[in-house]
């Protein structure tokens, strides 16, 4: 995977617009996120309703799509309120959502991502979180920690899977604080977290992480049958063609018959010679007529031994 960042396109952009730009680059890569997945953020300084400078986390709003995201889709959450939660050990989802709604820079704005605290608990200015296919390929096994260490060494922190919410946000923050030299974090069976002092650095850290994963996967696939190979011998093309009844060289012949259902089935159109002993032609005379006591609707839903009283002409049966 290669970086699509273009300095010429971002040079004149404001900080939040750079986040929008990077988010769209990520959203355009379907191997990084699908619709609605992943989230990005920056920490900025803004003015509150009393014109005081306050730290604000601009994070992707819940339900928005990175591929088409806009400035308005990044609600602001006051950092003072986020940091106040670092003393908490746990918090259920409903309480967390209600708390963040009261911490919005613009009351009544879009609801912040369920993973807002994952971004807010980190000191880095910009954070990118994706659900990359290549990373999931490395972690969806019973040797995830060993696999990741083999690919990344000590550059990347690996954590076991935990559902999004308060506890995983705390665990990520604690793990990164304990390993300040780490360049990224991988959540098993979930995705990636990268960070940096600028939006570009956080974005390109993600691209580097995925590129290394893709290279490792490609190397391990070299010379290997991914699905184990065929279980039975494969016929040569000339032999396969004789097995296809549509082929001129096929020795098989099939019957096609047209039936008109009007009380009792009877063949009404063409047929071709057949070696098939159980064709519709051989069984049709044995099918009894429908009972007069049953309605046509009931007959239409009955088994083959009691066919419907009427059926449109042109029904084709093949054997």
Protein backbone atom coordinates (compact mmCIF):
# COMPACT_ATOMS: atom_id res chain seq x y z
CA UNK A 1 0.00 0.00 0.00
CA UNK A 2 1.36 3.43 -0.85
CA UNK A 3 0.76 6.85 0.64
CA UNK A 4 -1.54 9.07 -1.43
CA UNK A 5 -0.74 12.23 0.52
CA UNK A 6 -0.02 15.19 -1.75
CA UNK A 7 1.66 18.24 -0.24
CA UNK A 8 0.46 20.45 -3.09
CA UNK A 9 -3.16 19.61 -2.21
CA UNK A 10 -2.77 20.20 1.53
CA UNK A 11 -0.34 23.10 1.81
CA UNK A 12 -3.02 25.78 2.14
CA UNK A 13 -5.45 23.72 4.23
CA UNK A 14 -6.32 24.37 7.85
CA UNK A 15 -5.68 21.68 10.41
CA UNK A 16 -9.20 20.29 10.45
CA UNK A 17 -9.30 20.29 6.66
CA UNK A 18 -6.11 18.22 6.62
CA UNK A 19 -7.88 15.72 8.84
CA UNK A 20 -10.78 15.63 6.39
CA UNK A 21 -8.29 15.11 3.56
CA UNK A 22 -6.48 12.22 5.29
CA UNK A 23 -9.77 10.63 6.34
CA UNK A 24 -10.99 10.55 2.75
CA UNK A 25 -7.73 8.94 1.62
CA UNK A 26 -8.24 6.24 4.22
CA UNK A 27 -11.91 5.80 3.35
CA UNK A 28 -11.05 5.36 -0.33
CA UNK A 29 -8.97 2.27 0.55
CA UNK A 30 -11.57 -0.46 1.05
CA UNK A 31 -8.88 -2.76 2.47
CA UNK A 32 -8.51 -0.28 5.37
CA UNK A 33 -12.14 0.42 6.23
CA UNK A 34 -15.61 -0.38 4.92
CA UNK A 35 -18.54 2.03 4.95
CA UNK A 36 -18.84 3.70 8.34
CA UNK A 37 -15.76 1.95 9.80
CA UNK A 38 -12.61 3.43 11.29
CA UNK A 39 -12.14 6.85 12.86
CA UNK A 40 -9.64 9.71 12.91
CA UNK A 41 -9.00 12.69 15.16
CA UNK A 42 -6.91 15.75 15.98
CA UNK A 43 -6.51 17.78 19.16
CA UNK A 44 -6.81 21.53 18.71
CA UNK A 45 -7.17 24.72 20.70
CA UNK A 46 -10.44 26.57 20.25
CA UNK A 47 -12.56 29.20 22.01
CA UNK A 48 -15.47 28.16 24.18
CA UNK A 49 -18.77 30.00 24.63
CA UNK A 50 -17.06 32.46 26.98
CA UNK A 51 -14.24 33.06 24.52
CA UNK A 52 -11.74 31.18 26.68
CA UNK A 53 -9.09 28.99 24.98
CA UNK A 54 -9.86 25.32 25.54
CA UNK A 55 -8.39 22.06 24.28
CA UNK A 56 -10.78 20.24 21.94
CA UNK A 57 -10.71 16.79 20.39
CA UNK A 58 -12.16 16.76 16.88
CA UNK A 59 -13.13 13.15 16.21
CA UNK A 60 -15.19 11.40 13.56
CA UNK A 61 -18.88 11.40 14.36
CA UNK A 62 -20.76 8.16 14.83
CA UNK A 63 -22.33 6.88 11.60
CA UNK A 64 -20.32 9.09 9.23
CA UNK A 65 -18.27 7.59 6.41
CA UNK A 66 -14.58 8.39 6.03
CA UNK A 67 -14.75 8.23 2.24
CA UNK A 68 -17.11 11.21 2.00
CA UNK A 69 -16.62 12.87 5.39
CA UNK A 70 -16.84 16.66 5.81
CA UNK A 71 -15.78 19.19 8.46
CA UNK A 72 -19.23 19.12 10.04
CA UNK A 73 -18.86 15.37 10.67
CA UNK A 74 -16.13 15.96 13.29
CA UNK A 75 -17.82 16.97 16.55
CA UNK A 76 -15.61 18.71 19.12
CA UNK A 77 -15.27 17.22 22.62
CA UNK A 78 -13.62 19.26 25.36
CA UNK A 79 -10.34 17.66 26.42
CA UNK A 80 -10.76 18.77 30.04
CA UNK A 81 -13.86 16.59 30.29
CA UNK A 82 -12.11 13.66 28.59
CA UNK A 83 -9.08 13.76 30.88
CA UNK A 84 -11.35 13.83 33.92
CA UNK A 85 -12.30 10.24 33.04
CA UNK A 86 -8.75 8.94 33.40
CA UNK A 87 -9.47 8.41 37.10
CA UNK A 88 -12.33 6.06 36.26
CA UNK A 89 -11.77 2.30 36.00
CA UNK A 90 -14.92 1.49 34.07
CA UNK A 91 -17.97 3.10 32.49
CA UNK A 92 -20.85 1.50 30.64
CA UNK A 93 -21.69 2.54 27.10
CA UNK A 94 -24.88 4.44 27.90
CA UNK A 95 -23.23 6.48 30.63
CA UNK A 96 -20.26 7.20 28.37
CA UNK A 97 -22.45 8.35 25.46
CA UNK A 98 -24.46 10.64 27.75
CA UNK A 99 -21.30 12.07 29.31
CA UNK A 100 -19.71 12.85 25.92
CA UNK A 101 -22.92 14.51 24.74
CA UNK A 102 -22.60 16.98 27.61
CA UNK A 103 -18.93 17.58 26.80
CA UNK A 104 -19.54 18.73 23.21
CA UNK A 105 -18.07 22.01 22.06
CA UNK A 106 -21.25 22.58 20.04
CA UNK A 107 -24.22 21.31 22.09
CA UNK A 108 -26.59 19.22 20.04
CA UNK A 109 -23.94 18.42 17.42
CA UNK A 110 -23.24 14.99 15.91
CA UNK A 111 -22.67 12.17 18.38
CA UNK A 112 -18.95 11.37 18.75
CA UNK A 113 -17.64 7.92 17.83
CA UNK A 114 -18.01 5.14 20.40
CA UNK A 115 -14.18 5.06 20.33
CA UNK A 116 -13.78 8.76 21.18
CA UNK A 117 -12.00 8.05 24.47
CA UNK A 118 -9.53 5.80 22.67
CA UNK A 119 -8.40 8.96 20.82
CA UNK A 120 -8.79 11.33 23.74
CA UNK A 121 -6.77 9.29 26.26
CA UNK A 122 -3.68 9.42 24.02
CA UNK A 123 -1.28 12.37 24.21
CA UNK A 124 -0.55 12.41 20.46
CA UNK A 125 -2.02 15.29 18.51
CA UNK A 126 -3.43 13.12 15.72
CA UNK A 127 -4.71 9.52 15.88
CA UNK A 128 -5.87 7.17 13.11
CA UNK A 129 -7.80 3.93 13.73
CA UNK A 130 -8.56 1.48 10.90
CA UNK A 131 -9.92 -2.05 10.45
CA UNK A 132 -7.30 -3.15 7.93
CA UNK A 133 -7.78 -6.51 6.20
CA UNK A 134 -4.05 -7.28 6.26
CA UNK A 135 -3.86 -6.80 10.02
CA UNK A 136 -6.91 -8.98 10.65
CA UNK A 137 -5.24 -11.66 8.49
CA UNK A 138 -2.28 -11.65 10.89
CA UNK A 139 -4.34 -11.69 14.10
CA UNK A 140 -7.29 -14.00 13.33
CA UNK A 141 -5.45 -17.08 14.58
CA UNK A 142 -4.31 -18.65 17.84
CA UNK A 143 -0.73 -17.35 17.44
CA UNK A 144 -1.50 -13.67 16.92
CA UNK A 145 1.08 -12.29 19.39
CA UNK A 146 3.92 -14.40 17.94
CA UNK A 147 2.87 -13.56 14.39
CA UNK A 148 2.84 -9.81 15.06
CA UNK A 149 6.20 -9.92 16.80
CA UNK A 150 7.65 -11.81 13.84
CA UNK A 151 6.42 -9.11 11.46
CA UNK A 152 6.98 -5.93 13.51
CA UNK A 153 9.42 -6.83 16.27
CA UNK A 154 9.16 -4.39 19.17
CA UNK A 155 7.83 -1.50 17.04
CA UNK A 156 4.20 -2.46 17.57
CA UNK A 157 2.17 -3.16 20.72
CA UNK A 158 -0.27 -6.08 20.48
CA UNK A 159 -3.43 -6.27 22.60
CA UNK A 160 -6.06 -9.00 22.73
CA UNK A 161 -9.51 -8.30 21.38
CA UNK A 162 -11.97 -6.38 23.50
CA UNK A 163 -15.19 -4.78 22.30
CA UNK A 164 -15.16 -0.98 21.75
CA UNK A 165 -15.90 1.13 24.79
CA UNK A 166 -14.35 2.57 27.92
CA UNK A 167 -12.22 -0.39 29.02
CA UNK A 168 -10.37 -0.85 25.72
CA UNK A 169 -9.69 2.91 25.66
CA UNK A 170 -8.06 2.67 29.08
CA UNK A 171 -6.06 -0.42 28.13
CA UNK A 172 -4.75 1.21 24.94
CA UNK A 173 -3.71 4.36 26.81
CA UNK A 174 -1.97 2.34 29.54
CA UNK A 175 -0.16 0.12 27.03
CA UNK A 176 1.16 3.08 25.01
CA UNK A 177 2.23 4.92 28.17
CA UNK A 178 4.23 1.84 29.19
CA UNK A 179 5.87 1.61 25.76
CA UNK A 180 6.65 5.20 24.66
CA UNK A 181 9.03 3.89 21.99
CA UNK A 182 6.23 1.99 20.17
CA UNK A 183 5.18 3.28 16.77
CA UNK A 184 1.72 1.71 16.57
CA UNK A 185 -0.73 -0.59 18.33
CA UNK A 186 -2.65 -3.55 16.94
CA UNK A 187 -5.92 -4.78 18.42
CA UNK A 188 -6.27 -8.50 17.68
CA UNK A 189 -9.23 -9.31 15.40
CA UNK A 190 -10.06 -5.62 15.23
CA UNK A 191 -7.58 -3.22 13.64
CA UNK A 192 -4.80 -0.67 13.99
CA UNK A 193 -4.08 2.49 15.97
CA UNK A 194 -1.38 4.88 14.80
CA UNK A 195 -0.52 8.39 15.94
CA UNK A 196 1.76 11.32 15.27
CA UNK A 197 2.38 15.04 15.86
CA UNK A 198 0.66 15.84 12.56
CA UNK A 199 -2.21 14.36 10.57
CA UNK A 200 0.15 13.38 7.78
CA UNK A 201 2.48 11.46 10.13
CA UNK A 202 -0.40 9.57 11.70
CA UNK A 203 -1.77 8.72 8.25
CA UNK A 204 1.58 7.57 6.87
CA UNK A 205 2.25 5.50 9.99
CA UNK A 206 -0.90 3.56 9.09
CA UNK A 207 0.26 3.07 5.49
CA UNK A 208 3.67 1.81 6.67
CA UNK A 209 2.05 -0.59 9.14
CA UNK A 210 -0.23 -2.09 6.48
CA UNK A 211 2.56 -2.28 3.89
CA UNK A 212 4.69 -4.37 6.23
CA UNK A 213 1.75 -6.67 6.92
CA UNK A 214 1.03 -7.12 3.20
CA UNK A 215 4.69 -7.90 2.50
CA UNK A 216 4.76 -10.54 5.24
CA UNK A 217 1.58 -12.16 3.94
CA UNK A 218 2.88 -12.20 0.35
CA UNK A 219 6.16 -13.80 1.48
CA UNK A 220 4.39 -16.55 3.38
CA UNK A 221 2.10 -17.33 0.47
CA UNK A 222 4.99 -17.80 -1.99
CA UNK A 223 5.05 -21.39 -3.23
CA UNK A 224 2.13 -22.43 -1.04
CA UNK A 225 -1.33 -23.62 -1.95
CA UNK A 226 -3.56 -21.30 0.02
CA UNK A 227 -6.52 -23.71 0.20
CA UNK A 228 -4.56 -26.97 0.20
CA UNK A 229 -4.94 -27.90 -3.49
CA UNK A 230 -7.40 -30.28 -5.18
CA UNK A 231 -8.67 -33.38 -3.35
CA UNK A 232 -9.37 -35.35 -6.57
CA UNK A 233 -7.41 -35.46 -9.86
CA UNK A 234 -8.24 -32.70 -12.32
CA UNK A 235 -9.37 -33.95 -15.73
CA UNK A 236 -7.59 -32.56 -18.81
CA UNK A 237 -9.60 -30.07 -20.92
CA UNK A 238 -10.29 -32.58 -23.69
CA UNK A 239 -11.79 -35.04 -21.22
CA UNK A 240 -13.83 -32.36 -19.48
CA UNK A 241 -15.39 -31.30 -22.78
CA UNK A 242 -16.85 -34.79 -23.30
CA UNK A 243 -18.58 -34.55 -19.94
CA UNK A 244 -20.46 -31.38 -20.88
CA UNK A 245 -23.83 -32.25 -22.49
CA UNK A 246 -23.76 -28.93 -24.35
CA UNK A 247 -20.56 -29.90 -26.15
CA UNK A 248 -20.82 -31.35 -29.71
CA UNK A 249 -18.34 -34.05 -28.66
CA UNK A 250 -20.39 -35.15 -25.68
CA UNK A 251 -21.77 -38.70 -25.71
CA UNK A 252 -24.61 -37.68 -23.43
CA UNK A 253 -28.06 -36.74 -24.66
CA UNK A 254 -30.67 -34.97 -22.58
CA UNK A 255 -34.44 -34.66 -22.88
CA UNK A 256 -36.30 -31.37 -22.95
CA UNK A 257 -40.06 -31.48 -22.76
CA UNK A 258 -42.76 -28.82 -22.53
CA UNK A 259 -45.84 -29.43 -20.40
CA UNK A 260 -49.20 -27.76 -20.33
CA UNK A 261 -50.96 -28.35 -17.01
CA UNK A 262 -54.71 -28.60 -17.38
CA UNK A 263 -55.95 -31.12 -14.88
CA UNK A 264 -53.64 -33.88 -16.19
CA UNK A 265 -50.12 -33.28 -17.54
CA UNK A 266 -49.38 -34.09 -21.13
CA UNK A 267 -46.40 -33.32 -23.39
CA UNK A 268 -47.27 -30.63 -25.92
CA UNK A 269 -44.09 -29.79 -27.82
CA UNK A 270 -40.78 -31.10 -29.01
CA UNK A 271 -38.49 -33.71 -27.51
CA UNK A 272 -35.07 -35.07 -28.35
CA UNK A 273 -33.75 -38.61 -28.00
CA UNK A 274 -32.72 -39.38 -24.47
CA UNK A 275 -30.88 -41.99 -22.51
CA UNK A 276 -32.24 -40.61 -19.25
CA UNK A 277 -34.55 -43.29 -17.76
CA UNK A 278 -36.31 -40.96 -15.32
CA UNK A 279 -37.43 -38.18 -17.63
CA UNK A 280 -40.61 -36.24 -17.03
CA UNK A 281 -42.14 -38.05 -20.00
CA UNK A 282 -41.88 -41.40 -18.21
CA UNK A 283 -43.43 -40.24 -14.94
CA UNK A 284 -46.04 -37.74 -16.15
CA UNK A 285 -48.73 -40.36 -16.94
CA UNK A 286 -48.48 -41.76 -13.42
CA UNK A 287 -49.33 -38.45 -11.70
CA UNK A 288 -52.98 -38.54 -10.56
CA UNK A 289 -55.31 -35.63 -11.26
CA UNK A 290 -55.95 -33.19 -8.41
CA UNK A 291 -58.78 -33.87 -6.01
CA UNK A 292 -61.96 -31.99 -6.84
CA UNK A 293 -62.48 -31.32 -3.13
CA UNK A 294 -59.31 -29.21 -2.89
CA UNK A 295 -59.12 -25.65 -4.11
CA UNK A 296 -56.75 -24.59 -6.87
CA UNK A 297 -54.80 -22.57 -4.31
CA UNK A 298 -54.26 -25.64 -2.12
CA UNK A 299 -53.29 -27.68 -5.17
CA UNK A 300 -50.71 -25.09 -6.16
CA UNK A 301 -48.91 -25.53 -2.85
CA UNK A 302 -49.12 -29.34 -2.74
CA UNK A 303 -46.37 -31.85 -3.46
CA UNK A 304 -45.55 -33.19 -6.92
CA UNK A 305 -47.99 -36.06 -6.48
CA UNK A 306 -50.90 -33.59 -6.49
CA UNK A 307 -50.00 -30.94 -9.07
CA UNK A 308 -51.87 -27.64 -9.36
CA UNK A 309 -55.00 -27.48 -11.44
CA UNK A 310 -53.48 -24.88 -13.73
CA UNK A 311 -50.07 -23.59 -14.59
CA UNK A 312 -48.96 -21.19 -17.31
CA UNK A 313 -47.96 -22.81 -20.54
CA UNK A 314 -44.32 -22.78 -21.43
CA UNK A 315 -43.04 -24.40 -18.22
CA UNK A 316 -39.86 -26.26 -19.15
CA UNK A 317 -38.66 -29.37 -17.33
CA UNK A 318 -35.12 -30.58 -17.88
CA UNK A 319 -33.36 -33.74 -16.85
